[in-house]
């Protein structure tokens, strides 16, 4: 049974500008996300934008928005086949459990100017 759905879109330029602000990437992204994305240049910026959209979509899906957890507590990675997966820790994991979540599905897309993510929480 679906207990939550969230969708979000991010303008890629917003994430690109953050590269010029010391510590901002570290505030919003898990270290593993940054280690994978940043060496990839422009493709990595697109990837970070989609991952940021996924984090915001997760907040919508759990119904709390981003108030009760840090975005760094969510790592949006890829499995061995390239499928996006969300790894939750701390308060983000607690929010997932509190909303009755047992399974998390995430889809990402990006193209030049925009990145989009959808998150479905199944109970």
PDB file of N, CA and C in Angstrom:
ATOM      1  N   UNK A   1       0.825  -1.164   0.000  1.00  0.00           N
ATOM      2  CA  UNK A   1       0.000   0.000   0.000  1.00  0.00           C
ATOM      3  C   UNK A   1       0.889   1.254   0.000  1.00  0.00           C
ATOM      4  N   UNK A   2       0.537   2.239  -0.804  1.00  0.00           N
ATOM      5  CA  UNK A   2       1.289   3.494  -0.865  1.00  0.00           C
ATOM      6  C   UNK A   2       0.870   4.379   0.310  1.00  0.00           C
ATOM      7  N   UNK A   3       1.878   4.821   1.083  1.00  0.00           N
ATOM      8  CA  UNK A   3       1.599   5.710   2.219  1.00  0.00           C
ATOM      9  C   UNK A   3       2.102   7.128   1.980  1.00  0.00           C
ATOM     10  N   UNK A   4       2.854   7.336   0.915  1.00  0.00           N
ATOM     11  CA  UNK A   4       3.342   8.676   0.612  1.00  0.00           C
ATOM     12  C   UNK A   4       3.898   8.784  -0.782  1.00  0.00           C
ATOM     13  N   UNK A   5       3.667   9.938  -1.408  1.00  0.00           N
ATOM     14  CA  UNK A   5       4.209  10.239  -2.731  1.00  0.00           C
ATOM     15  C   UNK A   5       4.728  11.666  -2.701  1.00  0.00           C
ATOM     16  N   UNK A   6       5.896  11.867  -3.279  1.00  0.00           N
ATOM     17  CA  UNK A   6       6.460  13.213  -3.384  1.00  0.00           C
ATOM     18  C   UNK A   6       7.110  13.402  -4.730  1.00  0.00           C
ATOM     19  N   UNK A   7       7.026  14.607  -5.247  1.00  0.00           N
ATOM     20  CA  UNK A   7       7.676  14.951  -6.515  1.00  0.00           C
ATOM     21  C   UNK A   7       8.282  16.330  -6.361  1.00  0.00           C
ATOM     22  N   UNK A   8       9.417  16.557  -7.017  1.00  0.00           N
ATOM     23  CA  UNK A   8      10.057  17.858  -6.939  1.00  0.00           C
ATOM     24  C   UNK A   8      10.867  18.111  -8.200  1.00  0.00           C
ATOM     25  N   UNK A   9      10.991  19.372  -8.558  1.00  0.00           N
ATOM     26  CA  UNK A   9      11.815  19.798  -9.685  1.00  0.00           C
ATOM     27  C   UNK A   9      12.789  20.859  -9.186  1.00  0.00           C
ATOM     28  N   UNK A  10      14.022  20.806  -9.684  1.00  0.00           N
ATOM     29  CA  UNK A  10      15.071  21.738  -9.288  1.00  0.00           C
ATOM     30  C   UNK A  10      15.684  22.336 -10.553  1.00  0.00           C
ATOM     31  N   UNK A  11      15.852  23.632 -10.552  1.00  0.00           N
ATOM     32  CA  UNK A  11      16.555  24.298 -11.648  1.00  0.00           C
ATOM     33  C   UNK A  11      18.050  24.037 -11.448  1.00  0.00           C
ATOM     34  N   UNK A  12      18.709  23.454 -12.422  1.00  0.00           N
ATOM     35  CA  UNK A  12      20.105  23.020 -12.302  1.00  0.00           C
ATOM     36  C   UNK A  12      21.030  24.194 -11.979  1.00  0.00           C
ATOM     37  N   UNK A  13      20.746  25.364 -12.494  1.00  0.00           N
ATOM     38  CA  UNK A  13      21.609  26.528 -12.242  1.00  0.00           C
ATOM     39  C   UNK A  13      21.728  26.820 -10.749  1.00  0.00           C
ATOM     40  N   UNK A  14      20.674  26.566 -10.006  1.00  0.00           N
ATOM     41  CA  UNK A  14      20.701  26.755  -8.546  1.00  0.00           C
ATOM     42  C   UNK A  14      21.810  25.914  -7.915  1.00  0.00           C
ATOM     43  N   UNK A  15      21.901  24.659  -8.308  1.00  0.00           N
ATOM     44  CA  UNK A  15      22.916  23.753  -7.757  1.00  0.00           C
ATOM     45  C   UNK A  15      24.301  24.137  -8.269  1.00  0.00           C
ATOM     46  N   UNK A  16      24.385  24.558  -9.511  1.00  0.00           N
ATOM     47  CA  UNK A  16      25.660  24.989 -10.092  1.00  0.00           C
ATOM     48  C   UNK A  16      26.226  26.179  -9.307  1.00  0.00           C
ATOM     49  N   UNK A  17      25.368  27.138  -8.948  1.00  0.00           N
ATOM     50  CA  UNK A  17      25.817  28.318  -8.190  1.00  0.00           C
ATOM     51  C   UNK A  17      26.361  27.935  -6.818  1.00  0.00           C
ATOM     52  N   UNK A  18      25.816  26.879  -6.233  1.00  0.00           N
ATOM     53  CA  UNK A  18      26.265  26.468  -4.906  1.00  0.00           C
ATOM     54  C   UNK A  18      27.741  26.089  -4.869  1.00  0.00           C
ATOM     55  N   UNK A  19      28.303  25.725  -6.017  1.00  0.00           N
ATOM     56  CA  UNK A  19      29.713  25.323  -6.028  1.00  0.00           C
ATOM     57  C   UNK A  19      30.622  26.477  -5.635  1.00  0.00           C
ATOM     58  N   UNK A  20      30.120  27.702  -5.724  1.00  0.00           N
ATOM     59  CA  UNK A  20      30.915  28.879  -5.392  1.00  0.00           C
ATOM     60  C   UNK A  20      30.736  29.324  -3.938  1.00  0.00           C
ATOM     61  N   UNK A  21      29.922  28.604  -3.187  1.00  0.00           N
ATOM     62  CA  UNK A  21      29.671  28.958  -1.787  1.00  0.00           C
ATOM     63  C   UNK A  21      30.282  27.876  -0.895  1.00  0.00           C
ATOM     64  N   UNK A  22      31.315  28.250  -0.198  1.00  0.00           N
ATOM     65  CA  UNK A  22      32.055  27.309   0.654  1.00  0.00           C
ATOM     66  C   UNK A  22      31.141  26.551   1.612  1.00  0.00           C
ATOM     67  N   UNK A  23      31.222  25.233   1.592  1.00  0.00           N
ATOM     68  CA  UNK A  23      30.518  24.383   2.547  1.00  0.00           C
ATOM     69  C   UNK A  23      29.063  24.093   2.233  1.00  0.00           C
ATOM     70  N   UNK A  24      28.508  24.702   1.195  1.00  0.00           N
ATOM     71  CA  UNK A  24      27.088  24.507   0.927  1.00  0.00           C
ATOM     72  C   UNK A  24      26.789  23.093   0.433  1.00  0.00           C
ATOM     73  N   UNK A  25      27.626  22.574  -0.445  1.00  0.00           N
ATOM     74  CA  UNK A  25      27.424  21.185  -0.897  1.00  0.00           C
ATOM     75  C   UNK A  25      27.483  20.230   0.303  1.00  0.00           C
ATOM     76  N   UNK A  26      28.426  20.471   1.201  1.00  0.00           N
ATOM     77  CA  UNK A  26      28.568  19.599   2.375  1.00  0.00           C
ATOM     78  C   UNK A  26      27.345  19.671   3.288  1.00  0.00           C
ATOM     79  N   UNK A  27      26.657  20.782   3.273  1.00  0.00           N
ATOM     80  CA  UNK A  27      25.470  20.948   4.114  1.00  0.00           C
ATOM     81  C   UNK A  27      24.292  20.108   3.605  1.00  0.00           C
ATOM     82  N   UNK A  28      24.169  19.982   2.290  1.00  0.00           N
ATOM     83  CA  UNK A  28      22.997  19.343   1.707  1.00  0.00           C
ATOM     84  C   UNK A  28      23.219  17.937   1.156  1.00  0.00           C
ATOM     85  N   UNK A  29      24.459  17.558   0.923  1.00  0.00           N
ATOM     86  CA  UNK A  29      24.719  16.263   0.292  1.00  0.00           C
ATOM     87  C   UNK A  29      25.557  15.355   1.182  1.00  0.00           C
ATOM     88  N   UNK A  30      25.274  14.090   1.107  1.00  0.00           N
ATOM     89  CA  UNK A  30      26.030  13.053   1.805  1.00  0.00           C
ATOM     90  C   UNK A  30      27.425  12.981   1.166  1.00  0.00           C
ATOM     91  N   UNK A  31      28.465  12.729   1.945  1.00  0.00           N
ATOM     92  CA  UNK A  31      29.822  12.669   1.387  1.00  0.00           C
ATOM     93  C   UNK A  31      29.962  11.684   0.219  1.00  0.00           C
ATOM     94  N   UNK A  32      29.252  10.583   0.259  1.00  0.00           N
ATOM     95  CA  UNK A  32      29.346   9.609  -0.836  1.00  0.00           C
ATOM     96  C   UNK A  32      28.751  10.164  -2.134  1.00  0.00           C
ATOM     97  N   UNK A  33      27.680  10.933  -2.022  1.00  0.00           N
ATOM     98  CA  UNK A  33      27.103  11.567  -3.210  1.00  0.00           C
ATOM     99  C   UNK A  33      28.119  12.518  -3.852  1.00  0.00           C
ATOM    100  N   UNK A  34      28.772  13.311  -3.019  1.00  0.00           N
ATOM    101  CA  UNK A  34      29.746  14.275  -3.526  1.00  0.00           C
ATOM    102  C   UNK A  34      30.961  13.584  -4.133  1.00  0.00           C
ATOM    103  N   UNK A  35      31.420  12.516  -3.509  1.00  0.00           N
ATOM    104  CA  UNK A  35      32.585  11.795  -4.015  1.00  0.00           C
ATOM    105  C   UNK A  35      32.329  11.215  -5.398  1.00  0.00           C
ATOM    106  N   UNK A  36      31.092  10.841  -5.658  1.00  0.00           N
ATOM    107  CA  UNK A  36      30.741  10.273  -6.954  1.00  0.00           C
ATOM    108  C   UNK A  36      30.482  11.371  -7.988  1.00  0.00           C
ATOM    109  N   UNK A  37      29.779  12.425  -7.595  1.00  0.00           N
ATOM    110  CA  UNK A  37      29.321  13.433  -8.558  1.00  0.00           C
ATOM    111  C   UNK A  37      30.380  14.466  -8.934  1.00  0.00           C
ATOM    112  N   UNK A  38      31.077  15.037  -7.980  1.00  0.00           N
ATOM    113  CA  UNK A  38      31.945  16.175  -8.260  1.00  0.00           C
ATOM    114  C   UNK A  38      33.049  15.900  -9.284  1.00  0.00           C
ATOM    115  N   UNK A  39      33.679  14.724  -9.281  1.00  0.00           N
ATOM    116  CA  UNK A  39      34.698  14.477 -10.300  1.00  0.00           C
ATOM    117  C   UNK A  39      34.143  14.394 -11.734  1.00  0.00           C
ATOM    118  N   UNK A  40      32.824  14.333 -11.866  1.00  0.00           N
ATOM    119  CA  UNK A  40      32.196  14.174 -13.181  1.00  0.00           C
ATOM    120  C   UNK A  40      31.870  15.508 -13.849  1.00  0.00           C
ATOM    121  N   UNK A  41      32.255  16.627 -13.240  1.00  0.00           N
ATOM    122  CA  UNK A  41      32.057  17.930 -13.855  1.00  0.00           C
ATOM    123  C   UNK A  41      30.586  18.271 -14.038  1.00  0.00           C
ATOM    124  N   UNK A  42      30.228  18.730 -15.235  1.00  0.00           N
ATOM    125  CA  UNK A  42      28.860  19.174 -15.511  1.00  0.00           C
ATOM    126  C   UNK A  42      27.843  18.053 -15.348  1.00  0.00           C
ATOM    127  N   UNK A  43      28.200  16.847 -15.725  1.00  0.00           N
ATOM    128  CA  UNK A  43      27.296  15.702 -15.538  1.00  0.00           C
ATOM    129  C   UNK A  43      27.045  15.483 -14.050  1.00  0.00           C
ATOM    130  N   UNK A  44      28.052  15.712 -13.250  1.00  0.00           N
ATOM    131  CA  UNK A  44      27.915  15.583 -11.809  1.00  0.00           C
ATOM    132  C   UNK A  44      26.978  16.628 -11.219  1.00  0.00           C
ATOM    133  N   UNK A  45      26.993  17.837 -11.784  1.00  0.00           N
ATOM    134  CA  UNK A  45      26.073  18.884 -11.323  1.00  0.00           C
ATOM    135  C   UNK A  45      24.635  18.469 -11.616  1.00  0.00           C
ATOM    136  N   UNK A  46      24.387  17.923 -12.796  1.00  0.00           N
ATOM    137  CA  UNK A  46      23.052  17.412 -13.126  1.00  0.00           C
ATOM    138  C   UNK A  46      22.638  16.329 -12.140  1.00  0.00           C
ATOM    139  N   UNK A  47      23.576  15.461 -11.814  1.00  0.00           N
ATOM    140  CA  UNK A  47      23.321  14.378 -10.874  1.00  0.00           C
ATOM    141  C   UNK A  47      22.971  14.926  -9.488  1.00  0.00           C
ATOM    142  N   UNK A  48      23.716  15.916  -9.021  1.00  0.00           N
ATOM    143  CA  UNK A  48      23.428  16.509  -7.713  1.00  0.00           C
ATOM    144  C   UNK A  48      22.071  17.205  -7.709  1.00  0.00           C
ATOM    145  N   UNK A  49      21.723  17.857  -8.800  1.00  0.00           N
ATOM    146  CA  UNK A  49      20.420  18.521  -8.878  1.00  0.00           C
ATOM    147  C   UNK A  49      19.292  17.502  -8.758  1.00  0.00           C
ATOM    148  N   UNK A  50      19.427  16.366  -9.438  1.00  0.00           N
ATOM    149  CA  UNK A  50      18.395  15.323  -9.358  1.00  0.00           C
ATOM    150  C   UNK A  50      18.333  14.748  -7.948  1.00  0.00           C
ATOM    151  N   UNK A  51      19.470  14.586  -7.312  1.00  0.00           N
ATOM    152  CA  UNK A  51      19.503  14.044  -5.962  1.00  0.00           C
ATOM    153  C   UNK A  51      18.903  15.029  -4.955  1.00  0.00           C
ATOM    154  N   UNK A  52      19.152  16.316  -5.151  1.00  0.00           N
ATOM    155  CA  UNK A  52      18.535  17.310  -4.287  1.00  0.00           C
ATOM    156  C   UNK A  52      17.013  17.276  -4.448  1.00  0.00           C
ATOM    157  N   UNK A  53      16.548  17.156  -5.680  1.00  0.00           N
ATOM    158  CA  UNK A  53      15.102  17.040  -5.929  1.00  0.00           C
ATOM    159  C   UNK A  53      14.533  15.812  -5.232  1.00  0.00           C
ATOM    160  N   UNK A  54      15.283  14.708  -5.219  1.00  0.00           N
ATOM    161  CA  UNK A  54      14.815  13.481  -4.558  1.00  0.00           C
ATOM    162  C   UNK A  54      14.678  13.690  -3.050  1.00  0.00           C
ATOM    163  N   UNK A  55      15.608  14.424  -2.457  1.00  0.00           N
ATOM    164  CA  UNK A  55      15.538  14.684  -1.020  1.00  0.00           C
ATOM    165  C   UNK A  55      14.306  15.522  -0.684  1.00  0.00           C
ATOM    166  N   UNK A  56      14.031  16.526  -1.508  1.00  0.00           N
ATOM    167  CA  UNK A  56      12.840  17.343  -1.282  1.00  0.00           C
ATOM    168  C   UNK A  56      11.570  16.530  -1.526  1.00  0.00           C
ATOM    169  N   UNK A  57      11.588  15.663  -2.527  1.00  0.00           N
ATOM    170  CA  UNK A  57      10.436  14.793  -2.794  1.00  0.00           C
ATOM    171  C   UNK A  57      10.213  13.831  -1.630  1.00  0.00           C
ATOM    172  N   UNK A  58      11.286  13.368  -1.013  1.00  0.00           N
ATOM    173  CA  UNK A  58      11.168  12.496   0.150  1.00  0.00           C
ATOM    174  C   UNK A  58      10.451  13.229   1.286  1.00  0.00           C
ATOM    175  N   UNK A  59      10.830  14.485   1.538  1.00  0.00           N
ATOM    176  CA  UNK A  59      10.175  15.276   2.581  1.00  0.00           C
ATOM    177  C   UNK A  59       8.685  15.406   2.332  1.00  0.00           C
ATOM    178  N   UNK A  60       8.300  15.562   1.085  1.00  0.00           N
ATOM    179  CA  UNK A  60       6.881  15.644   0.730  1.00  0.00           C
ATOM    180  C   UNK A  60       6.198  14.293   0.930  1.00  0.00           C
ATOM    181  N   UNK A  61       6.885  13.229   0.579  1.00  0.00           N
ATOM    182  CA  UNK A  61       6.301  11.889   0.700  1.00  0.00           C
ATOM    183  C   UNK A  61       6.067  11.490   2.155  1.00  0.00           C
ATOM    184  N   UNK A  62       6.975  11.863   3.055  1.00  0.00           N
ATOM    185  CA  UNK A  62       6.780  11.521   4.467  1.00  0.00           C
ATOM    186  C   UNK A  62       5.795  12.472   5.133  1.00  0.00           C
ATOM    187  N   UNK A  63       5.504  13.588   4.478  1.00  0.00           N
ATOM    188  CA  UNK A  63       4.494  14.503   4.982  1.00  0.00           C
ATOM    189  C   UNK A  63       4.987  15.560   5.949  1.00  0.00           C
ATOM    190  N   UNK A  64       6.295  15.608   6.183  1.00  0.00           N
ATOM    191  CA  UNK A  64       6.824  16.576   7.148  1.00  0.00           C
ATOM    192  C   UNK A  64       7.583  17.709   6.480  1.00  0.00           C
ATOM    193  N   UNK A  65       7.790  17.594   5.197  1.00  0.00           N
ATOM    194  CA  UNK A  65       8.686  18.541   4.547  1.00  0.00           C
ATOM    195  C   UNK A  65      10.106  18.293   5.031  1.00  0.00           C
ATOM    196  N   UNK A  66      10.919  19.316   5.041  1.00  0.00           N
ATOM    197  CA  UNK A  66      12.328  19.160   5.413  1.00  0.00           C
ATOM    198  C   UNK A  66      12.622  19.617   6.836  1.00  0.00           C
ATOM    199  N   UNK A  67      11.580  19.820   7.625  1.00  0.00           N
ATOM    200  CA  UNK A  67      11.744  20.387   8.971  1.00  0.00           C
ATOM    201  C   UNK A  67      12.462  19.484   9.962  1.00  0.00           C
ATOM    202  N   UNK A  68      12.266  18.194   9.885  1.00  0.00           N
ATOM    203  CA  UNK A  68      12.673  17.318  10.982  1.00  0.00           C
ATOM    204  C   UNK A  68      13.919  16.487  10.716  1.00  0.00           C
ATOM    205  N   UNK A  69      14.602  16.747   9.622  1.00  0.00           N
ATOM    206  CA  UNK A  69      15.830  16.000   9.349  1.00  0.00           C
ATOM    207  C   UNK A  69      16.758  16.831   8.469  1.00  0.00           C
ATOM    208  N   UNK A  70      18.024  16.458   8.484  1.00  0.00           N
ATOM    209  CA  UNK A  70      19.020  17.127   7.645  1.00  0.00           C
ATOM    210  C   UNK A  70      19.109  16.403   6.305  1.00  0.00           C
ATOM    211  N   UNK A  71      19.260  17.155   5.244  1.00  0.00           N
ATOM    212  CA  UNK A  71      19.334  16.535   3.914  1.00  0.00           C
ATOM    213  C   UNK A  71      20.534  15.604   3.784  1.00  0.00           C
ATOM    214  N   UNK A  72      21.580  15.840   4.534  1.00  0.00           N
ATOM    215  CA  UNK A  72      22.756  14.947   4.518  1.00  0.00           C
ATOM    216  C   UNK A  72      22.426  13.560   5.046  1.00  0.00           C
ATOM    217  N   UNK A  73      21.303  13.429   5.766  1.00  0.00           N
ATOM    218  CA  UNK A  73      20.899  12.123   6.292  1.00  0.00           C
ATOM    219  C   UNK A  73      20.292  11.234   5.213  1.00  0.00           C
ATOM    220  N   UNK A  74      20.173  11.764   4.018  1.00  0.00           N
ATOM    221  CA  UNK A  74      19.670  11.001   2.874  1.00  0.00           C
ATOM    222  C   UNK A  74      20.782  10.945   1.840  1.00  0.00           C
ATOM    223  N   UNK A  75      21.156   9.750   1.449  1.00  0.00           N
ATOM    224  CA  UNK A  75      22.117   9.568   0.359  1.00  0.00           C
ATOM    225  C   UNK A  75      21.369   8.935  -0.806  1.00  0.00           C
ATOM    226  N   UNK A  76      21.348   9.626  -1.926  1.00  0.00           N
ATOM    227  CA  UNK A  76      20.714   9.082  -3.127  1.00  0.00           C
ATOM    228  C   UNK A  76      21.849   8.538  -3.983  1.00  0.00           C
ATOM    229  N   UNK A  77      21.916   7.223  -4.055  1.00  0.00           N
ATOM    230  CA  UNK A  77      23.000   6.527  -4.745  1.00  0.00           C
ATOM    231  C   UNK A  77      22.409   5.688  -5.879  1.00  0.00           C
ATOM    232  N   UNK A  78      23.211   4.857  -6.484  1.00  0.00           N
ATOM    233  CA  UNK A  78      22.731   3.959  -7.527  1.00  0.00           C
ATOM    234  C   UNK A  78      23.157   2.544  -7.207  1.00  0.00           C
ATOM    235  N   UNK A  79      22.257   1.589  -7.481  1.00  0.00           N
ATOM    236  CA  UNK A  79      22.632   0.192  -7.278  1.00  0.00           C
ATOM    237  C   UNK A  79      23.523  -0.258  -8.438  1.00  0.00           C
ATOM    238  N   UNK A  80      23.890  -1.509  -8.460  1.00  0.00           N
ATOM    239  CA  UNK A  80      24.823  -2.023  -9.473  1.00  0.00           C
ATOM    240  C   UNK A  80      24.270  -1.954 -10.891  1.00  0.00           C
ATOM    241  N   UNK A  81      22.971  -1.766 -11.040  1.00  0.00           N
ATOM    242  CA  UNK A  81      22.347  -1.660 -12.360  1.00  0.00           C
ATOM    243  C   UNK A  81      22.075  -0.205 -12.747  1.00  0.00           C
ATOM    244  N   UNK A  82      22.411   0.745 -11.866  1.00  0.00           N
ATOM    245  CA  UNK A  82      22.190   2.154 -12.124  1.00  0.00           C
ATOM    246  C   UNK A  82      20.887   2.696 -11.574  1.00  0.00           C
ATOM    247  N   UNK A  83      20.072   1.837 -10.972  1.00  0.00           N
ATOM    248  CA  UNK A  83      18.787   2.255 -10.407  1.00  0.00           C
ATOM    249  C   UNK A  83      19.038   3.107  -9.168  1.00  0.00           C
ATOM    250  N   UNK A  84      18.366   4.272  -9.054  1.00  0.00           N
ATOM    251  CA  UNK A  84      18.563   5.097  -7.858  1.00  0.00           C
ATOM    252  C   UNK A  84      17.962   4.447  -6.608  1.00  0.00           C
ATOM    253  N   UNK A  85      18.706   4.557  -5.527  1.00  0.00           N
ATOM    254  CA  UNK A  85      18.251   4.060  -4.225  1.00  0.00           C
ATOM    255  C   UNK A  85      18.508   5.155  -3.189  1.00  0.00           C
ATOM    256  N   UNK A  86      17.688   5.183  -2.168  1.00  0.00           N
ATOM    257  CA  UNK A  86      17.857   6.160  -1.103  1.00  0.00           C
ATOM    258  C   UNK A  86      18.278   5.440   0.169  1.00  0.00           C
ATOM    259  N   UNK A  87      19.381   5.882   0.728  1.00  0.00           N
ATOM    260  CA  UNK A  87      19.878   5.356   1.989  1.00  0.00           C
ATOM    261  C   UNK A  87      19.575   6.403   3.059  1.00  0.00           C
ATOM    262  N   UNK A  88      18.858   6.002   4.095  1.00  0.00           N
ATOM    263  CA  UNK A  88      18.417   6.933   5.136  1.00  0.00           C
ATOM    264  C   UNK A  88      19.144   6.670   6.442  1.00  0.00           C
ATOM    265  N   UNK A  89      19.463   7.748   7.158  1.00  0.00           N
ATOM    266  CA  UNK A  89      20.049   7.633   8.489  1.00  0.00           C
ATOM    267  C   UNK A  89      19.370   8.656   9.401  1.00  0.00           C
ATOM    268  N   UNK A  90      19.614   8.524  10.684  1.00  0.00           N
ATOM    269  CA  UNK A  90      19.179   9.515  11.661  1.00  0.00           C
ATOM    270  C   UNK A  90      17.698   9.840  11.617  1.00  0.00           C
ATOM    271  N   UNK A  91      17.403  11.138  11.682  1.00  0.00           N
ATOM    272  CA  UNK A  91      16.016  11.607  11.730  1.00  0.00           C
ATOM    273  C   UNK A  91      15.269  11.334  10.427  1.00  0.00           C
ATOM    274  N   UNK A  92      15.969  11.274   9.300  1.00  0.00           N
ATOM    275  CA  UNK A  92      15.302  10.951   8.029  1.00  0.00           C
ATOM    276  C   UNK A  92      14.785   9.514   8.062  1.00  0.00           C
ATOM    277  N   UNK A  93      15.583   8.613   8.601  1.00  0.00           N
ATOM    278  CA  UNK A  93      15.148   7.224   8.740  1.00  0.00           C
ATOM    279  C   UNK A  93      13.963   7.127   9.707  1.00  0.00           C
ATOM    280  N   UNK A  94      14.018   7.885  10.796  1.00  0.00           N
ATOM    281  CA  UNK A  94      12.916   7.898  11.760  1.00  0.00           C
ATOM    282  C   UNK A  94      11.633   8.430  11.126  1.00  0.00           C
ATOM    283  N   UNK A  95      11.733   9.485  10.313  1.00  0.00           N
ATOM    284  CA  UNK A  95      10.554  10.040   9.631  1.00  0.00           C
ATOM    285  C   UNK A  95       9.935   9.007   8.699  1.00  0.00           C
ATOM    286  N   UNK A  96      10.786   8.253   8.012  1.00  0.00           N
ATOM    287  CA  UNK A  96      10.324   7.192   7.115  1.00  0.00           C
ATOM    288  C   UNK A  96       9.544   6.129   7.896  1.00  0.00           C
ATOM    289  N   UNK A  97      10.101   5.709   9.006  1.00  0.00           N
ATOM    290  CA  UNK A  97       9.433   4.692   9.825  1.00  0.00           C
ATOM    291  C   UNK A  97       8.158   5.239  10.462  1.00  0.00           C
ATOM    292  N   UNK A  98       8.198   6.489  10.917  1.00  0.00           N
ATOM    293  CA  UNK A  98       7.034   7.107  11.562  1.00  0.00           C
ATOM    294  C   UNK A  98       5.837   7.225  10.625  1.00  0.00           C
ATOM    295  N   UNK A  99       6.092   7.383   9.334  1.00  0.00           N
ATOM    296  CA  UNK A  99       4.976   7.490   8.388  1.00  0.00           C
ATOM    297  C   UNK A  99       4.486   6.112   7.940  1.00  0.00           C
ATOM    298  N   UNK A 100       5.088   5.059   8.503  1.00  0.00           N
ATOM    299  CA  UNK A 100       4.665   3.698   8.169  1.00  0.00           C
ATOM    300  C   UNK A 100       5.398   3.108   6.991  1.00  0.00           C
ATOM    301  N   UNK A 101       6.517   3.702   6.605  1.00  0.00           N
ATOM    302  CA  UNK A 101       7.271   3.241   5.447  1.00  0.00           C
ATOM    303  C   UNK A 101       7.998   1.925   5.666  1.00  0.00           C
ATOM    304  N   UNK A 102       7.927   1.067   4.650  1.00  0.00           N
ATOM    305  CA  UNK A 102       8.679  -0.189   4.648  1.00  0.00           C
ATOM    306  C   UNK A 102       9.535  -0.317   3.404  1.00  0.00           C
ATOM    307  N   UNK A 103       9.131   0.347   2.328  1.00  0.00           N
ATOM    308  CA  UNK A 103       9.859   0.281   1.059  1.00  0.00           C
ATOM    309  C   UNK A 103       9.842   1.673   0.438  1.00  0.00           C
ATOM    310  N   UNK A 104      10.959   2.036  -0.173  1.00  0.00           N
ATOM    311  CA  UNK A 104      11.129   3.355  -0.759  1.00  0.00           C
ATOM    312  C   UNK A 104      11.515   3.193  -2.223  1.00  0.00           C
ATOM    313  N   UNK A 105      10.784   3.866  -3.102  1.00  0.00           N
ATOM    314  CA  UNK A 105      11.066   3.824  -4.540  1.00  0.00           C
ATOM    315  C   UNK A 105      11.357   5.242  -4.995  1.00  0.00           C
ATOM    316  N   UNK A 106      12.403   5.399  -5.806  1.00  0.00           N
ATOM    317  CA  UNK A 106      12.834   6.717  -6.242  1.00  0.00           C
ATOM    318  C   UNK A 106      13.122   6.689  -7.740  1.00  0.00           C
ATOM    319  N   UNK A 107      12.711   7.732  -8.434  1.00  0.00           N
ATOM    320  CA  UNK A 107      13.031   7.879  -9.847  1.00  0.00           C
ATOM    321  C   UNK A 107      13.576   9.283 -10.073  1.00  0.00           C
ATOM    322  N   UNK A 108      14.644   9.382 -10.867  1.00  0.00           N
ATOM    323  CA  UNK A 108      15.310  10.652 -11.143  1.00  0.00           C
ATOM    324  C   UNK A 108      15.355  10.917 -12.641  1.00  0.00           C
ATOM    325  N   UNK A 109      15.329  12.184 -13.003  1.00  0.00           N
ATOM    326  CA  UNK A 109      15.508  12.565 -14.400  1.00  0.00           C
ATOM    327  C   UNK A 109      16.116  13.956 -14.448  1.00  0.00           C
ATOM    328  N   UNK A 110      16.936  14.217 -15.447  1.00  0.00           N
ATOM    329  CA  UNK A 110      17.487  15.555 -15.619  1.00  0.00           C
ATOM    330  C   UNK A 110      17.782  15.795 -17.094  1.00  0.00           C
ATOM    331  N   UNK A 111      17.666  17.071 -17.444  1.00  0.00           N
ATOM    332  CA  UNK A 111      17.977  17.483 -18.803  1.00  0.00           C
ATOM    333  C   UNK A 111      18.351  18.953 -18.782  1.00  0.00           C
ATOM    334  N   UNK A 112      19.501  19.264 -19.190  1.00  0.00           N
ATOM    335  CA  UNK A 112      20.060  20.601 -19.303  1.00  0.00           C
ATOM    336  C   UNK A 112      19.703  21.562 -18.171  1.00  0.00           C
ATOM    337  N   UNK A 113      18.475  22.063 -18.119  1.00  0.00           N
ATOM    338  CA  UNK A 113      18.118  23.116 -17.170  1.00  0.00           C
ATOM    339  C   UNK A 113      17.405  22.644 -15.917  1.00  0.00           C
ATOM    340  N   UNK A 114      16.803  21.474 -15.950  1.00  0.00           N
ATOM    341  CA  UNK A 114      15.976  21.029 -14.837  1.00  0.00           C
ATOM    342  C   UNK A 114      16.252  19.582 -14.466  1.00  0.00           C
ATOM    343  N   UNK A 115      16.038  19.309 -13.188  1.00  0.00           N
ATOM    344  CA  UNK A 115      16.145  17.939 -12.667  1.00  0.00           C
ATOM    345  C   UNK A 115      14.846  17.649 -11.917  1.00  0.00           C
ATOM    346  N   UNK A 116      14.404  16.421 -12.008  1.00  0.00           N
ATOM    347  CA  UNK A 116      13.118  16.021 -11.441  1.00  0.00           C
ATOM    348  C   UNK A 116      13.295  14.711 -10.685  1.00  0.00           C
ATOM    349  N   UNK A 117      12.558  14.580  -9.594  1.00  0.00           N
ATOM    350  CA  UNK A 117      12.569  13.326  -8.836  1.00  0.00           C
ATOM    351  C   UNK A 117      11.181  13.019  -8.322  1.00  0.00           C
ATOM    352  N   UNK A 118      10.895  11.731  -8.229  1.00  0.00           N
ATOM    353  CA  UNK A 118       9.652  11.257  -7.643  1.00  0.00           C
ATOM    354  C   UNK A 118      10.004  10.180  -6.617  1.00  0.00           C
ATOM    355  N   UNK A 119       9.356  10.247  -5.461  1.00  0.00           N
ATOM    356  CA  UNK A 119       9.569   9.276  -4.397  1.00  0.00           C
ATOM    357  C   UNK A 119       8.233   8.688  -4.007  1.00  0.00           C
ATOM    358  N   UNK A 120       8.191   7.369  -3.904  1.00  0.00           N
ATOM    359  CA  UNK A 120       6.999   6.657  -3.434  1.00  0.00           C
ATOM    360  C   UNK A 120       7.397   5.862  -2.212  1.00  0.00           C
ATOM    361  N   UNK A 121       6.602   6.002  -1.152  1.00  0.00           N
ATOM    362  CA  UNK A 121       6.812   5.230   0.069  1.00  0.00           C
ATOM    363  C   UNK A 121       5.680   4.223   0.179  1.00  0.00           C
ATOM    364  N   UNK A 122       6.073   2.961   0.301  1.00  0.00           N
ATOM    365  CA  UNK A 122       5.100   1.891   0.486  1.00  0.00           C
ATOM    366  C   UNK A 122       5.128   1.431   1.923  1.00  0.00           C
ATOM    367  N   UNK A 123       3.935   1.137   2.438  1.00  0.00           N
ATOM    368  CA  UNK A 123       3.816   0.680   3.821  1.00  0.00           C
ATOM    369  C   UNK A 123       3.561  -0.799   3.896  1.00  0.00           C
TER     370      UNK A 123
END
